[in-house]
């Protein structure tokens, strides 16, 4: 096993040790469903790039997706929920790996979460 094999093995372990983001579903005032993922400070997390491909509610496609940022330091939610796809674009600089439709995001500091919000 060479030096680079050790790094590859660690990468595979990262996917196994990551929190797999799962959406929660809600309805807006008009009854239209939307999905919400949460990203918690300091947590290695795997998210789908495009959740529309994976999730449906009552066989209906969910077109609205949100991301909620949670701070351990501040013991609560940071700001308002933001558009999921806009958030994923901002999070791409923190991605440590990608597989198929999934991204692996390293644990972020509070300052980095606030940067994503900004």
PDB file of N, CA and C in Angstrom:
ATOM      1  N   UNK A   1       0.859  -1.175   0.000  1.00  0.00           N
ATOM      2  CA  UNK A   1       0.000   0.000   0.000  1.00  0.00           C
ATOM      3  C   UNK A   1       0.903   1.236   0.000  1.00  0.00           C
ATOM      4  N   UNK A   2       0.679   2.123  -0.966  1.00  0.00           N
ATOM      5  CA  UNK A   2       1.471   3.337  -1.084  1.00  0.00           C
ATOM      6  C   UNK A   2       0.890   4.475  -0.275  1.00  0.00           C
ATOM      7  N   UNK A   3       1.601   5.561  -0.271  1.00  0.00           N
ATOM      8  CA  UNK A   3       1.184   6.752   0.459  1.00  0.00           C
ATOM      9  C   UNK A   3      -0.190   7.230   0.007  1.00  0.00           C
ATOM     10  N   UNK A   4      -0.419   7.263  -1.295  1.00  0.00           N
ATOM     11  CA  UNK A   4      -1.689   7.778  -1.806  1.00  0.00           C
ATOM     12  C   UNK A   4      -2.855   6.833  -1.503  1.00  0.00           C
ATOM     13  N   UNK A   5      -2.599   5.551  -1.349  1.00  0.00           N
ATOM     14  CA  UNK A   5      -3.645   4.612  -0.971  1.00  0.00           C
ATOM     15  C   UNK A   5      -4.195   4.925   0.409  1.00  0.00           C
ATOM     16  N   UNK A   6      -3.354   5.391   1.307  1.00  0.00           N
ATOM     17  CA  UNK A   6      -3.804   5.760   2.654  1.00  0.00           C
ATOM     18  C   UNK A   6      -4.805   6.904   2.583  1.00  0.00           C
ATOM     19  N   UNK A   7      -4.538   7.898   1.731  1.00  0.00           N
ATOM     20  CA  UNK A   7      -5.457   9.025   1.593  1.00  0.00           C
ATOM     21  C   UNK A   7      -6.785   8.571   1.002  1.00  0.00           C
ATOM     22  N   UNK A   8      -6.738   7.671   0.035  1.00  0.00           N
ATOM     23  CA  UNK A   8      -7.960   7.182  -0.588  1.00  0.00           C
ATOM     24  C   UNK A   8      -8.800   6.410   0.433  1.00  0.00           C
ATOM     25  N   UNK A   9      -8.161   5.617   1.259  1.00  0.00           N
ATOM     26  CA  UNK A   9      -8.884   4.867   2.277  1.00  0.00           C
ATOM     27  C   UNK A   9      -9.571   5.819   3.261  1.00  0.00           C
ATOM     28  N   UNK A  10      -8.893   6.892   3.652  1.00  0.00           N
ATOM     29  CA  UNK A  10      -9.494   7.866   4.554  1.00  0.00           C
ATOM     30  C   UNK A  10     -10.722   8.479   3.914  1.00  0.00           C
ATOM     31  N   UNK A  11     -10.640   8.801   2.613  1.00  0.00           N
ATOM     32  CA  UNK A  11     -11.777   9.383   1.902  1.00  0.00           C
ATOM     33  C   UNK A  11     -12.983   8.450   1.983  1.00  0.00           C
ATOM     34  N   UNK A  12     -12.776   7.169   1.764  1.00  0.00           N
ATOM     35  CA  UNK A  12     -13.886   6.215   1.846  1.00  0.00           C
ATOM     36  C   UNK A  12     -14.464   6.176   3.249  1.00  0.00           C
ATOM     37  N   UNK A  13     -13.613   6.261   4.269  1.00  0.00           N
ATOM     38  CA  UNK A  13     -14.086   6.282   5.644  1.00  0.00           C
ATOM     39  C   UNK A  13     -14.888   7.543   5.922  1.00  0.00           C
ATOM     40  N   UNK A  14     -14.522   8.663   5.289  1.00  0.00           N
ATOM     41  CA  UNK A  14     -15.270   9.901   5.479  1.00  0.00           C
ATOM     42  C   UNK A  14     -16.727   9.700   5.082  1.00  0.00           C
ATOM     43  N   UNK A  15     -16.972   9.063   3.959  1.00  0.00           N
ATOM     44  CA  UNK A  15     -18.351   8.825   3.515  1.00  0.00           C
ATOM     45  C   UNK A  15     -19.095   7.951   4.534  1.00  0.00           C
ATOM     46  N   UNK A  16     -18.404   6.957   5.073  1.00  0.00           N
ATOM     47  CA  UNK A  16     -19.042   6.052   6.047  1.00  0.00           C
ATOM     48  C   UNK A  16     -19.352   6.773   7.359  1.00  0.00           C
ATOM     49  N   UNK A  17     -18.508   7.732   7.735  1.00  0.00           N
ATOM     50  CA  UNK A  17     -18.662   8.427   9.009  1.00  0.00           C
ATOM     51  C   UNK A  17     -19.530   9.678   8.924  1.00  0.00           C
ATOM     52  N   UNK A  18     -19.917  10.058   7.725  1.00  0.00           N
ATOM     53  CA  UNK A  18     -20.670  11.304   7.548  1.00  0.00           C
ATOM     54  C   UNK A  18     -22.131  11.132   7.950  1.00  0.00           C
ATOM     55  N   UNK A  19     -22.686  12.233   8.435  1.00  0.00           N
ATOM     56  CA  UNK A  19     -24.130  12.303   8.646  1.00  0.00           C
ATOM     57  C   UNK A  19     -24.769  12.406   7.258  1.00  0.00           C
ATOM     58  N   UNK A  20     -25.747  11.578   6.999  1.00  0.00           N
ATOM     59  CA  UNK A  20     -26.447  11.620   5.717  1.00  0.00           C
ATOM     60  C   UNK A  20     -27.685  12.487   5.904  1.00  0.00           C
ATOM     61  N   UNK A  21     -27.657  13.660   5.255  1.00  0.00           N
ATOM     62  CA  UNK A  21     -28.773  14.586   5.374  1.00  0.00           C
ATOM     63  C   UNK A  21     -30.057  13.987   4.838  1.00  0.00           C
ATOM     64  N   UNK A  22     -31.083  14.041   5.628  1.00  0.00           N
ATOM     65  CA  UNK A  22     -32.399  13.548   5.233  1.00  0.00           C
ATOM     66  C   UNK A  22     -33.385  14.709   5.335  1.00  0.00           C
ATOM     67  N   UNK A  23     -34.237  14.848   4.344  1.00  0.00           N
ATOM     68  CA  UNK A  23     -35.150  15.992   4.361  1.00  0.00           C
ATOM     69  C   UNK A  23     -36.342  15.792   5.288  1.00  0.00           C
ATOM     70  N   UNK A  24     -36.859  16.902   5.746  1.00  0.00           N
ATOM     71  CA  UNK A  24     -38.142  16.943   6.449  1.00  0.00           C
ATOM     72  C   UNK A  24     -39.074  17.678   5.506  1.00  0.00           C
ATOM     73  N   UNK A  25     -40.321  17.277   5.496  1.00  0.00           N
ATOM     74  CA  UNK A  25     -41.278  17.862   4.563  1.00  0.00           C
ATOM     75  C   UNK A  25     -42.339  18.651   5.305  1.00  0.00           C
ATOM     76  N   UNK A  26     -42.662  19.791   4.742  1.00  0.00           N
ATOM     77  CA  UNK A  26     -43.653  20.697   5.306  1.00  0.00           C
ATOM     78  C   UNK A  26     -44.538  21.201   4.171  1.00  0.00           C
ATOM     79  N   UNK A  27     -45.593  21.905   4.520  1.00  0.00           N
ATOM     80  CA  UNK A  27     -46.462  22.531   3.526  1.00  0.00           C
ATOM     81  C   UNK A  27     -46.512  24.024   3.786  1.00  0.00           C
ATOM     82  N   UNK A  28     -46.527  24.793   2.694  1.00  0.00           N
ATOM     83  CA  UNK A  28     -46.670  26.233   2.860  1.00  0.00           C
ATOM     84  C   UNK A  28     -48.139  26.563   3.135  1.00  0.00           C
ATOM     85  N   UNK A  29     -48.473  27.833   3.264  1.00  0.00           N
ATOM     86  CA  UNK A  29     -49.847  28.227   3.604  1.00  0.00           C
ATOM     87  C   UNK A  29     -50.863  27.781   2.565  1.00  0.00           C
ATOM     88  N   UNK A  30     -50.409  27.609   1.340  1.00  0.00           N
ATOM     89  CA  UNK A  30     -51.296  27.145   0.280  1.00  0.00           C
ATOM     90  C   UNK A  30     -51.378  25.629   0.174  1.00  0.00           C
ATOM     91  N   UNK A  31     -50.685  24.927   1.053  1.00  0.00           N
ATOM     92  CA  UNK A  31     -50.714  23.469   1.053  1.00  0.00           C
ATOM     93  C   UNK A  31     -49.682  22.825   0.136  1.00  0.00           C
ATOM     94  N   UNK A  32     -48.841  23.625  -0.485  1.00  0.00           N
ATOM     95  CA  UNK A  32     -47.811  23.105  -1.389  1.00  0.00           C
ATOM     96  C   UNK A  32     -46.635  22.569  -0.567  1.00  0.00           C
ATOM     97  N   UNK A  33     -46.226  21.308  -0.809  1.00  0.00           N
ATOM     98  CA  UNK A  33     -45.142  20.724  -0.010  1.00  0.00           C
ATOM     99  C   UNK A  33     -43.767  21.279  -0.411  1.00  0.00           C
ATOM    100  N   UNK A  34     -42.871  21.351   0.581  1.00  0.00           N
ATOM    101  CA  UNK A  34     -41.474  21.683   0.326  1.00  0.00           C
ATOM    102  C   UNK A  34     -40.601  20.861   1.263  1.00  0.00           C
ATOM    103  N   UNK A  35     -39.344  20.668   0.857  1.00  0.00           N
ATOM    104  CA  UNK A  35     -38.408  19.869   1.646  1.00  0.00           C
ATOM    105  C   UNK A  35     -37.339  20.740   2.272  1.00  0.00           C
ATOM    106  N   UNK A  36     -36.877  20.335   3.467  1.00  0.00           N
ATOM    107  CA  UNK A  36     -35.855  21.085   4.193  1.00  0.00           C
ATOM    108  C   UNK A  36     -34.769  20.124   4.676  1.00  0.00           C
ATOM    109  N   UNK A  37     -33.526  20.472   4.360  1.00  0.00           N
ATOM    110  CA  UNK A  37     -32.361  19.790   4.904  1.00  0.00           C
ATOM    111  C   UNK A  37     -31.732  20.704   5.950  1.00  0.00           C
ATOM    112  N   UNK A  38     -31.038  20.110   6.926  1.00  0.00           N
ATOM    113  CA  UNK A  38     -30.325  20.886   7.947  1.00  0.00           C
ATOM    114  C   UNK A  38     -28.839  20.586   7.857  1.00  0.00           C
ATOM    115  N   UNK A  39     -28.040  21.630   8.006  1.00  0.00           N
ATOM    116  CA  UNK A  39     -26.590  21.496   8.073  1.00  0.00           C
ATOM    117  C   UNK A  39     -26.152  22.048   9.425  1.00  0.00           C
ATOM    118  N   UNK A  40     -25.534  21.185  10.229  1.00  0.00           N
ATOM    119  CA  UNK A  40     -25.141  21.555  11.584  1.00  0.00           C
ATOM    120  C   UNK A  40     -23.650  21.849  11.648  1.00  0.00           C
ATOM    121  N   UNK A  41     -23.326  22.894  12.347  1.00  0.00           N
ATOM    122  CA  UNK A  41     -21.942  23.329  12.562  1.00  0.00           C
ATOM    123  C   UNK A  41     -21.068  22.152  13.014  1.00  0.00           C
ATOM    124  N   UNK A  42     -19.908  22.022  12.367  1.00  0.00           N
ATOM    125  CA  UNK A  42     -18.928  21.021  12.777  1.00  0.00           C
ATOM    126  C   UNK A  42     -19.240  19.594  12.389  1.00  0.00           C
ATOM    127  N   UNK A  43     -20.259  19.367  11.572  1.00  0.00           N
ATOM    128  CA  UNK A  43     -20.683  18.006  11.248  1.00  0.00           C
ATOM    129  C   UNK A  43     -20.356  17.658   9.796  1.00  0.00           C
ATOM    130  N   UNK A  44     -19.562  16.624   9.599  1.00  0.00           N
ATOM    131  CA  UNK A  44     -19.296  16.092   8.273  1.00  0.00           C
ATOM    132  C   UNK A  44     -20.620  15.582   7.716  1.00  0.00           C
ATOM    133  N   UNK A  45     -21.046  16.097   6.550  1.00  0.00           N
ATOM    134  CA  UNK A  45     -22.390  15.830   6.073  1.00  0.00           C
ATOM    135  C   UNK A  45     -22.412  15.494   4.591  1.00  0.00           C
ATOM    136  N   UNK A  46     -23.244  14.539   4.241  1.00  0.00           N
ATOM    137  CA  UNK A  46     -23.490  14.182   2.847  1.00  0.00           C
ATOM    138  C   UNK A  46     -24.882  14.662   2.462  1.00  0.00           C
ATOM    139  N   UNK A  47     -24.966  15.369   1.324  1.00  0.00           N
ATOM    140  CA  UNK A  47     -26.235  15.851   0.790  1.00  0.00           C
ATOM    141  C   UNK A  47     -26.347  15.475  -0.682  1.00  0.00           C
ATOM    142  N   UNK A  48     -27.571  15.324  -1.162  1.00  0.00           N
ATOM    143  CA  UNK A  48     -27.730  15.172  -2.612  1.00  0.00           C
ATOM    144  C   UNK A  48     -27.571  16.530  -3.293  1.00  0.00           C
ATOM    145  N   UNK A  49     -26.986  16.532  -4.489  1.00  0.00           N
ATOM    146  CA  UNK A  49     -26.895  17.775  -5.256  1.00  0.00           C
ATOM    147  C   UNK A  49     -28.274  18.188  -5.749  1.00  0.00           C
ATOM    148  N   UNK A  50     -29.063  17.198  -6.109  1.00  0.00           N
ATOM    149  CA  UNK A  50     -30.394  17.489  -6.637  1.00  0.00           C
ATOM    150  C   UNK A  50     -31.424  16.577  -5.981  1.00  0.00           C
ATOM    151  N   UNK A  51     -32.008  17.010  -4.863  1.00  0.00           N
ATOM    152  CA  UNK A  51     -32.968  16.157  -4.152  1.00  0.00           C
ATOM    153  C   UNK A  51     -34.258  15.886  -4.942  1.00  0.00           C
ATOM    154  N   UNK A  52     -34.549  16.719  -5.933  1.00  0.00           N
ATOM    155  CA  UNK A  52     -35.749  16.487  -6.760  1.00  0.00           C
ATOM    156  C   UNK A  52     -35.732  15.107  -7.395  1.00  0.00           C
ATOM    157  N   UNK A  53     -34.528  14.588  -7.653  1.00  0.00           N
ATOM    158  CA  UNK A  53     -34.390  13.280  -8.289  1.00  0.00           C
ATOM    159  C   UNK A  53     -34.663  12.130  -7.325  1.00  0.00           C
ATOM    160  N   UNK A  54     -34.634  12.402  -6.034  1.00  0.00           N
ATOM    161  CA  UNK A  54     -34.704  11.328  -5.044  1.00  0.00           C
ATOM    162  C   UNK A  54     -35.999  11.260  -4.243  1.00  0.00           C
ATOM    163  N   UNK A  55     -36.641  12.391  -4.034  1.00  0.00           N
ATOM    164  CA  UNK A  55     -37.738  12.433  -3.080  1.00  0.00           C
ATOM    165  C   UNK A  55     -39.035  12.914  -3.713  1.00  0.00           C
ATOM    166  N   UNK A  56     -40.115  12.258  -3.302  1.00  0.00           N
ATOM    167  CA  UNK A  56     -41.463  12.660  -3.691  1.00  0.00           C
ATOM    168  C   UNK A  56     -42.356  12.537  -2.460  1.00  0.00           C
ATOM    169  N   UNK A  57     -43.430  13.286  -2.450  1.00  0.00           N
ATOM    170  CA  UNK A  57     -44.423  13.179  -1.392  1.00  0.00           C
ATOM    171  C   UNK A  57     -45.754  12.853  -2.063  1.00  0.00           C
ATOM    172  N   UNK A  58     -46.355  11.752  -1.671  1.00  0.00           N
ATOM    173  CA  UNK A  58     -47.604  11.282  -2.284  1.00  0.00           C
ATOM    174  C   UNK A  58     -47.476  11.232  -3.802  1.00  0.00           C
ATOM    175  N   UNK A  59     -46.352  10.700  -4.275  1.00  0.00           N
ATOM    176  CA  UNK A  59     -46.038  10.568  -5.702  1.00  0.00           C
ATOM    177  C   UNK A  59     -45.947  11.897  -6.439  1.00  0.00           C
ATOM    178  N   UNK A  60     -45.892  12.999  -5.725  1.00  0.00           N
ATOM    179  CA  UNK A  60     -45.753  14.314  -6.351  1.00  0.00           C
ATOM    180  C   UNK A  60     -44.313  14.800  -6.199  1.00  0.00           C
ATOM    181  N   UNK A  61     -43.777  15.367  -7.279  1.00  0.00           N
ATOM    182  CA  UNK A  61     -42.432  15.927  -7.235  1.00  0.00           C
ATOM    183  C   UNK A  61     -42.417  17.166  -6.340  1.00  0.00           C
ATOM    184  N   UNK A  62     -41.376  17.279  -5.552  1.00  0.00           N
ATOM    185  CA  UNK A  62     -41.195  18.440  -4.682  1.00  0.00           C
ATOM    186  C   UNK A  62     -40.302  19.420  -5.432  1.00  0.00           C
ATOM    187  N   UNK A  63     -40.809  20.595  -5.698  1.00  0.00           N
ATOM    188  CA  UNK A  63     -40.057  21.575  -6.478  1.00  0.00           C
ATOM    189  C   UNK A  63     -39.345  22.617  -5.623  1.00  0.00           C
ATOM    190  N   UNK A  64     -39.756  22.747  -4.376  1.00  0.00           N
ATOM    191  CA  UNK A  64     -39.132  23.748  -3.513  1.00  0.00           C
ATOM    192  C   UNK A  64     -38.322  23.051  -2.425  1.00  0.00           C
ATOM    193  N   UNK A  65     -37.041  23.443  -2.338  1.00  0.00           N
ATOM    194  CA  UNK A  65     -36.122  22.864  -1.367  1.00  0.00           C
ATOM    195  C   UNK A  65     -35.413  23.979  -0.616  1.00  0.00           C
ATOM    196  N   UNK A  66     -35.235  23.771   0.690  1.00  0.00           N
ATOM    197  CA  UNK A  66     -34.606  24.763   1.564  1.00  0.00           C
ATOM    198  C   UNK A  66     -33.474  24.109   2.357  1.00  0.00           C
ATOM    199  N   UNK A  67     -32.542  24.952   2.814  1.00  0.00           N
ATOM    200  CA  UNK A  67     -31.490  24.500   3.713  1.00  0.00           C
ATOM    201  C   UNK A  67     -31.536  25.374   4.958  1.00  0.00           C
ATOM    202  N   UNK A  68     -31.485  24.722   6.110  1.00  0.00           N
ATOM    203  CA  UNK A  68     -31.461  25.405   7.395  1.00  0.00           C
ATOM    204  C   UNK A  68     -30.077  25.169   8.005  1.00  0.00           C
ATOM    205  N   UNK A  69     -29.432  26.240   8.446  1.00  0.00           N
ATOM    206  CA  UNK A  69     -28.115  26.144   9.060  1.00  0.00           C
ATOM    207  C   UNK A  69     -28.263  26.211  10.576  1.00  0.00           C
ATOM    208  N   UNK A  70     -27.638  25.242  11.254  1.00  0.00           N
ATOM    209  CA  UNK A  70     -27.781  25.120  12.707  1.00  0.00           C
ATOM    210  C   UNK A  70     -26.419  25.303  13.366  1.00  0.00           C
ATOM    211  N   UNK A  71     -26.373  26.179  14.365  1.00  0.00           N
ATOM    212  CA  UNK A  71     -25.135  26.461  15.087  1.00  0.00           C
ATOM    213  C   UNK A  71     -25.134  25.775  16.449  1.00  0.00           C
ATOM    214  N   UNK A  72     -24.059  25.054  16.711  1.00  0.00           N
ATOM    215  CA  UNK A  72     -23.841  24.470  18.043  1.00  0.00           C
ATOM    216  C   UNK A  72     -23.391  25.582  18.989  1.00  0.00           C
ATOM    217  N   UNK A  73     -22.527  26.469  18.490  1.00  0.00           N
ATOM    218  CA  UNK A  73     -21.998  27.569  19.293  1.00  0.00           C
ATOM    219  C   UNK A  73     -23.121  28.478  19.788  1.00  0.00           C
ATOM    220  N   UNK A  74     -24.024  28.854  18.874  1.00  0.00           N
ATOM    221  CA  UNK A  74     -25.132  29.751  19.221  1.00  0.00           C
ATOM    222  C   UNK A  74     -26.373  29.011  19.713  1.00  0.00           C
ATOM    223  N   UNK A  75     -26.316  27.702  19.706  1.00  0.00           N
ATOM    224  CA  UNK A  75     -27.411  26.846  20.181  1.00  0.00           C
ATOM    225  C   UNK A  75     -28.743  27.159  19.492  1.00  0.00           C
ATOM    226  N   UNK A  76     -28.691  27.223  18.151  1.00  0.00           N
ATOM    227  CA  UNK A  76     -29.934  27.460  17.431  1.00  0.00           C
ATOM    228  C   UNK A  76     -29.735  27.632  15.940  1.00  0.00           C
ATOM    229  N   UNK A  77     -30.815  27.980  15.287  1.00  0.00           N
ATOM    230  CA  UNK A  77     -30.832  28.163  13.842  1.00  0.00           C
ATOM    231  C   UNK A  77     -30.246  29.525  13.498  1.00  0.00           C
ATOM    232  N   UNK A  78     -29.444  29.551  12.435  1.00  0.00           N
ATOM    233  CA  UNK A  78     -28.860  30.802  11.956  1.00  0.00           C
ATOM    234  C   UNK A  78     -29.743  31.372  10.849  1.00  0.00           C
ATOM    235  N   UNK A  79     -30.208  32.570  11.016  1.00  0.00           N
ATOM    236  CA  UNK A  79     -30.968  33.243   9.965  1.00  0.00           C
ATOM    237  C   UNK A  79     -32.212  32.485   9.536  1.00  0.00           C
ATOM    238  N   UNK A  80     -32.659  32.791   8.326  1.00  0.00           N
ATOM    239  CA  UNK A  80     -33.820  32.129   7.744  1.00  0.00           C
ATOM    240  C   UNK A  80     -33.370  30.962   6.886  1.00  0.00           C
ATOM    241  N   UNK A  81     -34.294  30.074   6.588  1.00  0.00           N
ATOM    242  CA  UNK A  81     -33.979  29.003   5.652  1.00  0.00           C
ATOM    243  C   UNK A  81     -33.670  29.643   4.300  1.00  0.00           C
ATOM    244  N   UNK A  82     -32.737  29.035   3.585  1.00  0.00           N
ATOM    245  CA  UNK A  82     -32.368  29.584   2.283  1.00  0.00           C
ATOM    246  C   UNK A  82     -32.640  28.565   1.188  1.00  0.00           C
ATOM    247  N   UNK A  83     -32.729  29.044  -0.038  1.00  0.00           N
ATOM    248  CA  UNK A  83     -32.945  28.162  -1.170  1.00  0.00           C
ATOM    249  C   UNK A  83     -31.837  27.104  -1.200  1.00  0.00           C
ATOM    250  N   UNK A  84     -32.230  25.848  -1.304  1.00  0.00           N
ATOM    251  CA  UNK A  84     -31.286  24.736  -1.228  1.00  0.00           C
ATOM    252  C   UNK A  84     -30.229  24.812  -2.330  1.00  0.00           C
ATOM    253  N   UNK A  85     -30.659  25.064  -3.555  1.00  0.00           N
ATOM    254  CA  UNK A  85     -29.728  25.049  -4.679  1.00  0.00           C
ATOM    255  C   UNK A  85     -28.744  26.219  -4.613  1.00  0.00           C
ATOM    256  N   UNK A  86     -29.188  27.360  -4.147  1.00  0.00           N
ATOM    257  CA  UNK A  86     -28.302  28.499  -3.933  1.00  0.00           C
ATOM    258  C   UNK A  86     -27.289  28.158  -2.840  1.00  0.00           C
ATOM    259  N   UNK A  87     -27.759  27.521  -1.775  1.00  0.00           N
ATOM    260  CA  UNK A  87     -26.881  27.133  -0.670  1.00  0.00           C
ATOM    261  C   UNK A  87     -25.840  26.116  -1.132  1.00  0.00           C
ATOM    262  N   UNK A  88     -26.251  25.118  -1.908  1.00  0.00           N
ATOM    263  CA  UNK A  88     -25.301  24.105  -2.393  1.00  0.00           C
ATOM    264  C   UNK A  88     -24.219  24.763  -3.244  1.00  0.00           C
ATOM    265  N   UNK A  89     -24.600  25.724  -4.073  1.00  0.00           N
ATOM    266  CA  UNK A  89     -23.587  26.444  -4.862  1.00  0.00           C
ATOM    267  C   UNK A  89     -22.572  27.125  -3.958  1.00  0.00           C
ATOM    268  N   UNK A  90     -23.029  27.729  -2.870  1.00  0.00           N
ATOM    269  CA  UNK A  90     -22.121  28.392  -1.933  1.00  0.00           C
ATOM    270  C   UNK A  90     -21.283  27.388  -1.147  1.00  0.00           C
ATOM    271  N   UNK A  91     -21.834  26.201  -0.911  1.00  0.00           N
ATOM    272  CA  UNK A  91     -21.139  25.173  -0.132  1.00  0.00           C
ATOM    273  C   UNK A  91     -20.084  24.418  -0.937  1.00  0.00           C
ATOM    274  N   UNK A  92     -20.101  24.541  -2.254  1.00  0.00           N
ATOM    275  CA  UNK A  92     -19.193  23.758  -3.096  1.00  0.00           C
ATOM    276  C   UNK A  92     -17.723  23.969  -2.734  1.00  0.00           C
ATOM    277  N   UNK A  93     -17.356  25.134  -2.219  1.00  0.00           N
ATOM    278  CA  UNK A  93     -15.953  25.336  -1.856  1.00  0.00           C
ATOM    279  C   UNK A  93     -15.562  24.570  -0.587  1.00  0.00           C
ATOM    280  N   UNK A  94     -16.552  24.022   0.128  1.00  0.00           N
ATOM    281  CA  UNK A  94     -16.287  23.236   1.327  1.00  0.00           C
ATOM    282  C   UNK A  94     -16.452  21.727   1.083  1.00  0.00           C
ATOM    283  N   UNK A  95     -16.740  21.360  -0.150  1.00  0.00           N
ATOM    284  CA  UNK A  95     -16.947  19.952  -0.505  1.00  0.00           C
ATOM    285  C   UNK A  95     -15.592  19.255  -0.570  1.00  0.00           C
ATOM    286  N   UNK A  96     -15.509  18.088   0.094  1.00  0.00           N
ATOM    287  CA  UNK A  96     -14.261  17.330   0.072  1.00  0.00           C
ATOM    288  C   UNK A  96     -14.328  16.135  -0.867  1.00  0.00           C
ATOM    289  N   UNK A  97     -15.552  15.799  -1.325  1.00  0.00           N
ATOM    290  CA  UNK A  97     -15.685  14.697  -2.284  1.00  0.00           C
ATOM    291  C   UNK A  97     -17.073  14.760  -2.911  1.00  0.00           C
ATOM    292  N   UNK A  98     -17.192  14.151  -4.087  1.00  0.00           N
ATOM    293  CA  UNK A  98     -18.468  14.034  -4.784  1.00  0.00           C
ATOM    294  C   UNK A  98     -18.593  12.617  -5.327  1.00  0.00           C
ATOM    295  N   UNK A  99     -19.784  12.064  -5.245  1.00  0.00           N
ATOM    296  CA  UNK A  99     -20.093  10.753  -5.813  1.00  0.00           C
ATOM    297  C   UNK A  99     -21.493  10.817  -6.388  1.00  0.00           C
ATOM    298  N   UNK A 100     -21.612  10.496  -7.651  1.00  0.00           N
ATOM    299  CA  UNK A 100     -22.915  10.486  -8.309  1.00  0.00           C
ATOM    300  C   UNK A 100     -23.647  11.802  -8.039  1.00  0.00           C
ATOM    301  N   UNK A 101     -24.792  11.735  -7.384  1.00  0.00           N
ATOM    302  CA  UNK A 101     -25.615  12.909  -7.105  1.00  0.00           C
ATOM    303  C   UNK A 101     -25.342  13.466  -5.707  1.00  0.00           C
ATOM    304  N   UNK A 102     -24.262  13.015  -5.046  1.00  0.00           N
ATOM    305  CA  UNK A 102     -24.023  13.405  -3.657  1.00  0.00           C
ATOM    306  C   UNK A 102     -22.737  14.196  -3.486  1.00  0.00           C
ATOM    307  N   UNK A 103     -22.768  15.107  -2.505  1.00  0.00           N
ATOM    308  CA  UNK A 103     -21.573  15.851  -2.121  1.00  0.00           C
ATOM    309  C   UNK A 103     -21.285  15.578  -0.647  1.00  0.00           C
ATOM    310  N   UNK A 104     -20.012  15.595  -0.310  1.00  0.00           N
ATOM    311  CA  UNK A 104     -19.577  15.402   1.075  1.00  0.00           C
ATOM    312  C   UNK A 104     -18.964  16.718   1.541  1.00  0.00           C
ATOM    313  N   UNK A 105     -19.592  17.334   2.541  1.00  0.00           N
ATOM    314  CA  UNK A 105     -19.185  18.641   3.039  1.00  0.00           C
ATOM    315  C   UNK A 105     -18.481  18.452   4.379  1.00  0.00           C
ATOM    316  N   UNK A 106     -17.286  19.026   4.479  1.00  0.00           N
ATOM    317  CA  UNK A 106     -16.558  18.926   5.745  1.00  0.00           C
ATOM    318  C   UNK A 106     -17.317  19.695   6.819  1.00  0.00           C
ATOM    319  N   UNK A 107     -17.017  19.404   8.075  1.00  0.00           N
ATOM    320  CA  UNK A 107     -17.633  20.143   9.173  1.00  0.00           C
ATOM    321  C   UNK A 107     -17.244  21.608   9.105  1.00  0.00           C
ATOM    322  N   UNK A 108     -18.227  22.489   9.119  1.00  0.00           N
ATOM    323  CA  UNK A 108     -17.971  23.918   8.966  1.00  0.00           C
ATOM    324  C   UNK A 108     -17.948  24.642  10.304  1.00  0.00           C
ATOM    325  N   UNK A 109     -17.122  25.662  10.366  1.00  0.00           N
ATOM    326  CA  UNK A 109     -17.066  26.536  11.528  1.00  0.00           C
ATOM    327  C   UNK A 109     -18.247  27.499  11.476  1.00  0.00           C
ATOM    328  N   UNK A 110     -18.559  28.108  12.612  1.00  0.00           N
ATOM    329  CA  UNK A 110     -19.647  29.080  12.674  1.00  0.00           C
ATOM    330  C   UNK A 110     -19.438  30.201  11.657  1.00  0.00           C
ATOM    331  N   UNK A 111     -18.221  30.686  11.532  1.00  0.00           N
ATOM    332  CA  UNK A 111     -17.926  31.768  10.581  1.00  0.00           C
ATOM    333  C   UNK A 111     -18.234  31.329   9.153  1.00  0.00           C
ATOM    334  N   UNK A 112     -17.949  30.077   8.841  1.00  0.00           N
ATOM    335  CA  UNK A 112     -18.214  29.569   7.490  1.00  0.00           C
ATOM    336  C   UNK A 112     -19.714  29.420   7.236  1.00  0.00           C
ATOM    337  N   UNK A 113     -20.463  28.991   8.249  1.00  0.00           N
ATOM    338  CA  UNK A 113     -21.914  28.917   8.107  1.00  0.00           C
ATOM    339  C   UNK A 113     -22.494  30.310   7.849  1.00  0.00           C
ATOM    340  N   UNK A 114     -21.996  31.296   8.587  1.00  0.00           N
ATOM    341  CA  UNK A 114     -22.454  32.671   8.383  1.00  0.00           C
ATOM    342  C   UNK A 114     -22.083  33.182   6.997  1.00  0.00           C
ATOM    343  N   UNK A 115     -20.954  32.764   6.484  1.00  0.00           N
ATOM    344  CA  UNK A 115     -20.544  33.130   5.131  1.00  0.00           C
ATOM    345  C   UNK A 115     -21.534  32.572   4.105  1.00  0.00           C
ATOM    346  N   UNK A 116     -21.968  31.337   4.305  1.00  0.00           N
ATOM    347  CA  UNK A 116     -22.953  30.723   3.399  1.00  0.00           C
ATOM    348  C   UNK A 116     -24.261  31.510   3.465  1.00  0.00           C
ATOM    349  N   UNK A 117     -24.647  31.930   4.647  1.00  0.00           N
ATOM    350  CA  UNK A 117     -25.872  32.724   4.806  1.00  0.00           C
ATOM    351  C   UNK A 117     -25.793  34.058   4.089  1.00  0.00           C
ATOM    352  N   UNK A 118     -24.588  34.681   4.157  1.00  0.00           N
ATOM    353  CA  UNK A 118     -24.373  36.027   3.646  1.00  0.00           C
ATOM    354  C   UNK A 118     -24.682  36.140   2.222  1.00  0.00           C
TER     355      UNK A 118
END
